[in-house]
Amino acid sequence: MLKQKEKKKKLVEKFARETEISKNLKEALSEKERLIEELRQELANLYKNDTSRSFTSSF
């Protein structure tokens, strides 16, 4: 009986750790996606500014 309780306790602790890890990974992935989108926007703005500068400087 005691072994079974100990086994159950270990499984619950393992599940809690894995749940926490999963939560942290999801948060990190969301942050990564947000940063990628931010960089895409910045790159698009830089490209837009560069092409308009190139176009106007050719006149």
PDB file of N, CA and C in Angstrom:
ATOM      1  N   MET A   1       0.821  -1.196   0.000  1.00  0.00           N
ATOM      2  CA  MET A   1       0.000   0.000   0.000  1.00  0.00           C
ATOM      3  C   MET A   1       0.869   1.266   0.000  1.00  0.00           C
ATOM      4  N   LEU A   2       1.903   1.239   0.822  1.00  0.00           N
ATOM      5  CA  LEU A   2       2.804   2.389   0.912  1.00  0.00           C
ATOM      6  C   LEU A   2       3.556   2.581  -0.394  1.00  0.00           C
ATOM      7  N   LYS A   3       3.984   1.466  -1.014  1.00  0.00           N
ATOM      8  CA  LYS A   3       4.683   1.550  -2.288  1.00  0.00           C
ATOM      9  C   LYS A   3       3.775   2.153  -3.363  1.00  0.00           C
ATOM     10  N   GLN A   4       2.509   1.761  -3.335  1.00  0.00           N
ATOM     11  CA  GLN A   4       1.565   2.254  -4.319  1.00  0.00           C
ATOM     12  C   GLN A   4       1.351   3.765  -4.161  1.00  0.00           C
ATOM     13  N   LYS A   5       1.261   4.220  -2.919  1.00  0.00           N
ATOM     14  CA  LYS A   5       1.102   5.659  -2.663  1.00  0.00           C
ATOM     15  C   LYS A   5       2.324   6.427  -3.134  1.00  0.00           C
ATOM     16  N   GLU A   6       3.496   5.851  -2.883  1.00  0.00           N
ATOM     17  CA  GLU A   6       4.753   6.483  -3.290  1.00  0.00           C
ATOM     18  C   GLU A   6       4.839   6.558  -4.819  1.00  0.00           C
ATOM     19  N   LYS A   7       4.427   5.481  -5.469  1.00  0.00           N
ATOM     20  CA  LYS A   7       4.433   5.433  -6.922  1.00  0.00           C
ATOM     21  C   LYS A   7       3.475   6.489  -7.494  1.00  0.00           C
ATOM     22  N   LYS A   8       2.296   6.579  -6.890  1.00  0.00           N
ATOM     23  CA  LYS A   8       1.303   7.554  -7.337  1.00  0.00           C
ATOM     24  C   LYS A   8       1.827   8.974  -7.134  1.00  0.00           C
ATOM     25  N   LYS A   9       2.468   9.211  -5.999  1.00  0.00           N
ATOM     26  CA  LYS A   9       3.026  10.527  -5.705  1.00  0.00           C
ATOM     27  C   LYS A   9       4.087  10.912  -6.744  1.00  0.00           C
ATOM     28  N   LYS A  10       4.937   9.960  -7.097  1.00  0.00           N
ATOM     29  CA  LYS A  10       5.982  10.220  -8.091  1.00  0.00           C
ATOM     30  C   LYS A  10       5.369  10.523  -9.460  1.00  0.00           C
ATOM     31  N   LEU A  11       4.318   9.787  -9.815  1.00  0.00           N
ATOM     32  CA  LEU A  11       3.646  10.036 -11.092  1.00  0.00           C
ATOM     33  C   LEU A  11       3.002  11.426 -11.122  1.00  0.00           C
ATOM     34  N   VAL A  12       2.394  11.819 -10.037  1.00  0.00           N
ATOM     35  CA  VAL A  12       1.778  13.143  -9.947  1.00  0.00           C
ATOM     36  C   VAL A  12       2.846  14.228 -10.047  1.00  0.00           C
ATOM     37  N   GLU A  13       3.975  14.039  -9.382  1.00  0.00           N
ATOM     38  CA  GLU A  13       5.071  15.006  -9.456  1.00  0.00           C
ATOM     39  C   GLU A  13       5.643  15.085 -10.869  1.00  0.00           C
ATOM     40  N   LYS A  14       5.781  13.924 -11.510  1.00  0.00           N
ATOM     41  CA  LYS A  14       6.296  13.892 -12.879  1.00  0.00           C
ATOM     42  C   LYS A  14       5.328  14.623 -13.812  1.00  0.00           C
ATOM     43  N   PHE A  15       4.045  14.369 -13.658  1.00  0.00           N
ATOM     44  CA  PHE A  15       3.035  15.040 -14.480  1.00  0.00           C
ATOM     45  C   PHE A  15       3.082  16.555 -14.262  1.00  0.00           C
ATOM     46  N   ALA A  16       3.236  16.977 -13.025  1.00  0.00           N
ATOM     47  CA  ALA A  16       3.312  18.410 -12.714  1.00  0.00           C
ATOM     48  C   ALA A  16       4.540  19.044 -13.366  1.00  0.00           C
ATOM     49  N   ARG A  17       5.681  18.360 -13.296  1.00  0.00           N
ATOM     50  CA  ARG A  17       6.906  18.868 -13.936  1.00  0.00           C
ATOM     51  C   ARG A  17       6.719  18.979 -15.445  1.00  0.00           C
ATOM     52  N   GLU A  18       6.174  17.914 -16.043  1.00  0.00           N
ATOM     53  CA  GLU A  18       5.978  17.913 -17.492  1.00  0.00           C
ATOM     54  C   GLU A  18       4.976  18.979 -17.924  1.00  0.00           C
ATOM     55  N   THR A  19       3.954  19.192 -17.109  1.00  0.00           N
ATOM     56  CA  THR A  19       2.973  20.236 -17.405  1.00  0.00           C
ATOM     57  C   THR A  19       3.632  21.609 -17.351  1.00  0.00           C
ATOM     58  N   GLU A  20       4.476  21.820 -16.359  1.00  0.00           N
ATOM     59  CA  GLU A  20       5.195  23.085 -16.227  1.00  0.00           C
ATOM     60  C   GLU A  20       6.139  23.296 -17.404  1.00  0.00           C
ATOM     61  N   ILE A  21       6.848  22.256 -17.789  1.00  0.00           N
ATOM     62  CA  ILE A  21       7.763  22.331 -18.936  1.00  0.00           C
ATOM     63  C   ILE A  21       6.986  22.653 -20.198  1.00  0.00           C
ATOM     64  N   SER A  22       5.861  21.986 -20.386  1.00  0.00           N
ATOM     65  CA  SER A  22       5.021  22.216 -21.560  1.00  0.00           C
ATOM     66  C   SER A  22       4.530  23.667 -21.590  1.00  0.00           C
ATOM     67  N   LYS A  23       4.115  24.164 -20.442  1.00  0.00           N
ATOM     68  CA  LYS A  23       3.646  25.554 -20.342  1.00  0.00           C
ATOM     69  C   LYS A  23       4.775  26.520 -20.705  1.00  0.00           C
ATOM     70  N   ASN A  24       5.958  26.264 -20.181  1.00  0.00           N
ATOM     71  CA  ASN A  24       7.108  27.126 -20.475  1.00  0.00           C
ATOM     72  C   ASN A  24       7.473  27.090 -21.955  1.00  0.00           C
ATOM     73  N   LEU A  25       7.407  25.905 -22.556  1.00  0.00           N
ATOM     74  CA  LEU A  25       7.710  25.783 -23.977  1.00  0.00           C
ATOM     75  C   LEU A  25       6.694  26.549 -24.825  1.00  0.00           C
ATOM     76  N   LYS A  26       5.431  26.460 -24.458  1.00  0.00           N
ATOM     77  CA  LYS A  26       4.382  27.187 -25.197  1.00  0.00           C
ATOM     78  C   LYS A  26       4.598  28.694 -25.084  1.00  0.00           C
ATOM     79  N   GLU A  27       4.954  29.159 -23.898  1.00  0.00           N
ATOM     80  CA  GLU A  27       5.222  30.589 -23.708  1.00  0.00           C
ATOM     81  C   GLU A  27       6.433  31.025 -24.536  1.00  0.00           C
ATOM     82  N   ALA A  28       7.474  30.201 -24.535  1.00  0.00           N
ATOM     83  CA  ALA A  28       8.679  30.530 -25.304  1.00  0.00           C
ATOM     84  C   ALA A  28       8.372  30.549 -26.797  1.00  0.00           C
ATOM     85  N   LEU A  29       7.565  29.615 -27.253  1.00  0.00           N
ATOM     86  CA  LEU A  29       7.189  29.572 -28.665  1.00  0.00           C
ATOM     87  C   LEU A  29       6.375  30.809 -29.049  1.00  0.00           C
ATOM     88  N   SER A  30       5.454  31.202 -28.192  1.00  0.00           N
ATOM     89  CA  SER A  30       4.662  32.407 -28.455  1.00  0.00           C
ATOM     90  C   SER A  30       5.555  33.639 -28.531  1.00  0.00           C
ATOM     91  N   GLU A  31       6.496  33.729 -27.618  1.00  0.00           N
ATOM     92  CA  GLU A  31       7.437  34.859 -27.614  1.00  0.00           C
ATOM     93  C   GLU A  31       8.286  34.847 -28.882  1.00  0.00           C
ATOM     94  N   LYS A  32       8.734  33.668 -29.283  1.00  0.00           N
ATOM     95  CA  LYS A  32       9.542  33.536 -30.507  1.00  0.00           C
ATOM     96  C   LYS A  32       8.721  33.982 -31.715  1.00  0.00           C
ATOM     97  N   GLU A  33       7.477  33.542 -31.799  1.00  0.00           N
ATOM     98  CA  GLU A  33       6.611  33.926 -32.916  1.00  0.00           C
ATOM     99  C   GLU A  33       6.375  35.434 -32.939  1.00  0.00           C
ATOM    100  N   ARG A  34       6.204  36.021 -31.756  1.00  0.00           N
ATOM    101  CA  ARG A  34       6.001  37.468 -31.660  1.00  0.00           C
ATOM    102  C   ARG A  34       7.234  38.220 -32.154  1.00  0.00           C
ATOM    103  N   LEU A  35       8.410  37.751 -31.734  1.00  0.00           N
ATOM    104  CA  LEU A  35       9.660  38.389 -32.156  1.00  0.00           C
ATOM    105  C   LEU A  35       9.885  38.241 -33.658  1.00  0.00           C
ATOM    106  N   ILE A  36       9.563  37.078 -34.201  1.00  0.00           N
ATOM    107  CA  ILE A  36       9.703  36.870 -35.644  1.00  0.00           C
ATOM    108  C   ILE A  36       8.795  37.839 -36.398  1.00  0.00           C
ATOM    109  N   GLU A  37       7.567  37.993 -35.940  1.00  0.00           N
ATOM    110  CA  GLU A  37       6.639  38.917 -36.609  1.00  0.00           C
ATOM    111  C   GLU A  37       7.142  40.353 -36.507  1.00  0.00           C
ATOM    112  N   GLU A  38       7.679  40.702 -35.350  1.00  0.00           N
ATOM    113  CA  GLU A  38       8.239  42.042 -35.162  1.00  0.00           C
ATOM    114  C   GLU A  38       9.405  42.277 -36.138  1.00  0.00           C
ATOM    115  N   LEU A  39      10.271  41.289 -36.282  1.00  0.00           N
ATOM    116  CA  LEU A  39      11.395  41.403 -37.210  1.00  0.00           C
ATOM    117  C   LEU A  39      10.919  41.484 -38.659  1.00  0.00           C
ATOM    118  N   ARG A  40       9.888  40.718 -38.995  1.00  0.00           N
ATOM    119  CA  ARG A  40       9.330  40.780 -40.358  1.00  0.00           C
ATOM    120  C   ARG A  40       8.830  42.188 -40.670  1.00  0.00           C
ATOM    121  N   GLN A  41       8.126  42.767 -39.711  1.00  0.00           N
ATOM    122  CA  GLN A  41       7.598  44.111 -39.899  1.00  0.00           C
ATOM    123  C   GLN A  41       8.737  45.117 -40.065  1.00  0.00           C
ATOM    124  N   GLU A  42       9.738  44.992 -39.226  1.00  0.00           N
ATOM    125  CA  GLU A  42      10.886  45.892 -39.296  1.00  0.00           C
ATOM    126  C   GLU A  42      11.615  45.739 -40.629  1.00  0.00           C
ATOM    127  N   LEU A  43      11.785  44.510 -41.068  1.00  0.00           N
ATOM    128  CA  LEU A  43      12.442  44.255 -42.341  1.00  0.00           C
ATOM    129  C   LEU A  43      11.621  44.825 -43.502  1.00  0.00           C
ATOM    130  N   ALA A  44      10.315  44.649 -43.444  1.00  0.00           N
ATOM    131  CA  ALA A  44       9.442  45.193 -44.488  1.00  0.00           C
ATOM    132  C   ALA A  44       9.552  46.712 -44.528  1.00  0.00           C
ATOM    133  N   ASN A  45       9.582  47.339 -43.372  1.00  0.00           N
ATOM    134  CA  ASN A  45       9.721  48.800 -43.321  1.00  0.00           C
ATOM    135  C   ASN A  45      11.071  49.247 -43.869  1.00  0.00           C
ATOM    136  N   LEU A  46      12.123  48.536 -43.511  1.00  0.00           N
ATOM    137  CA  LEU A  46      13.451  48.878 -44.026  1.00  0.00           C
ATOM    138  C   LEU A  46      13.501  48.724 -45.542  1.00  0.00           C
ATOM    139  N   TYR A  47      12.924  47.655 -46.035  1.00  0.00           N
ATOM    140  CA  TYR A  47      12.902  47.415 -47.473  1.00  0.00           C
ATOM    141  C   TYR A  47      12.102  48.503 -48.184  1.00  0.00           C
ATOM    142  N   LYS A  48      10.940  48.849 -47.598  1.00  0.00           N
ATOM    143  CA  LYS A  48      10.090  49.878 -48.184  1.00  0.00           C
ATOM    144  C   LYS A  48      10.826  51.217 -48.208  1.00  0.00           C
ATOM    145  N   ASN A  49      11.478  51.562 -47.125  1.00  0.00           N
ATOM    146  CA  ASN A  49      12.229  52.816 -47.054  1.00  0.00           C
ATOM    147  C   ASN A  49      13.397  52.819 -48.041  1.00  0.00           C
ATOM    148  N   ASP A  50      14.068  51.684 -48.154  1.00  0.00           N
ATOM    149  CA  ASP A  50      15.214  51.578 -49.047  1.00  0.00           C
ATOM    150  C   ASP A  50      14.786  51.703 -50.512  1.00  0.00           C
ATOM    151  N   THR A  51      13.700  51.048 -50.873  1.00  0.00           N
ATOM    152  CA  THR A  51      13.260  51.114 -52.274  1.00  0.00           C
ATOM    153  C   THR A  51      12.742  52.501 -52.619  1.00  0.00           C
ATOM    154  N   SER A  52      12.070  53.163 -51.677  1.00  0.00           N
ATOM    155  CA  SER A  52      11.585  54.516 -51.980  1.00  0.00           C
ATOM    156  C   SER A  52      12.758  55.489 -52.070  1.00  0.00           C
ATOM    157  N   ARG A  53      13.783  55.281 -51.260  1.00  0.00           N
ATOM    158  CA  ARG A  53      14.969  56.132 -51.308  1.00  0.00           C
ATOM    159  C   ARG A  53      15.704  55.929 -52.635  1.00  0.00           C
ATOM    160  N   SER A  54      15.828  54.666 -53.040  1.00  0.00           N
ATOM    161  CA  SER A  54      16.499  54.359 -54.302  1.00  0.00           C
ATOM    162  C   SER A  54      15.737  54.958 -55.473  1.00  0.00           C
ATOM    163  N   PHE A  55      14.419  54.892 -55.418  1.00  0.00           N
ATOM    164  CA  PHE A  55      13.591  55.399 -56.506  1.00  0.00           C
ATOM    165  C   PHE A  55      13.700  56.925 -56.620  1.00  0.00           C
ATOM    166  N   THR A  56      13.613  57.607 -55.474  1.00  0.00           N
ATOM    167  CA  THR A  56      13.655  59.073 -55.512  1.00  0.00           C
ATOM    168  C   THR A  56      15.061  59.580 -55.800  1.00  0.00           C
ATOM    169  N   SER A  57      16.083  58.854 -55.399  1.00  0.00           N
ATOM    170  CA  SER A  57      17.448  59.331 -55.654  1.00  0.00           C
ATOM    171  C   SER A  57      17.845  59.153 -57.116  1.00  0.00           C
ATOM    172  N   SER A  58      17.093  58.356 -57.855  1.00  0.00           N
ATOM    173  CA  SER A  58      17.440  58.159 -59.259  1.00  0.00           C
ATOM    174  C   SER A  58      16.994  59.334 -60.129  1.00  0.00           C
ATOM    175  N   PHE A  59      16.176  60.234 -59.578  1.00  0.00           N
ATOM    176  CA  PHE A  59      15.710  61.402 -60.357  1.00  0.00           C
ATOM    177  C   PHE A  59      16.612  62.588 -60.193  1.00  0.00           C
TER     178      PHE A  59
END
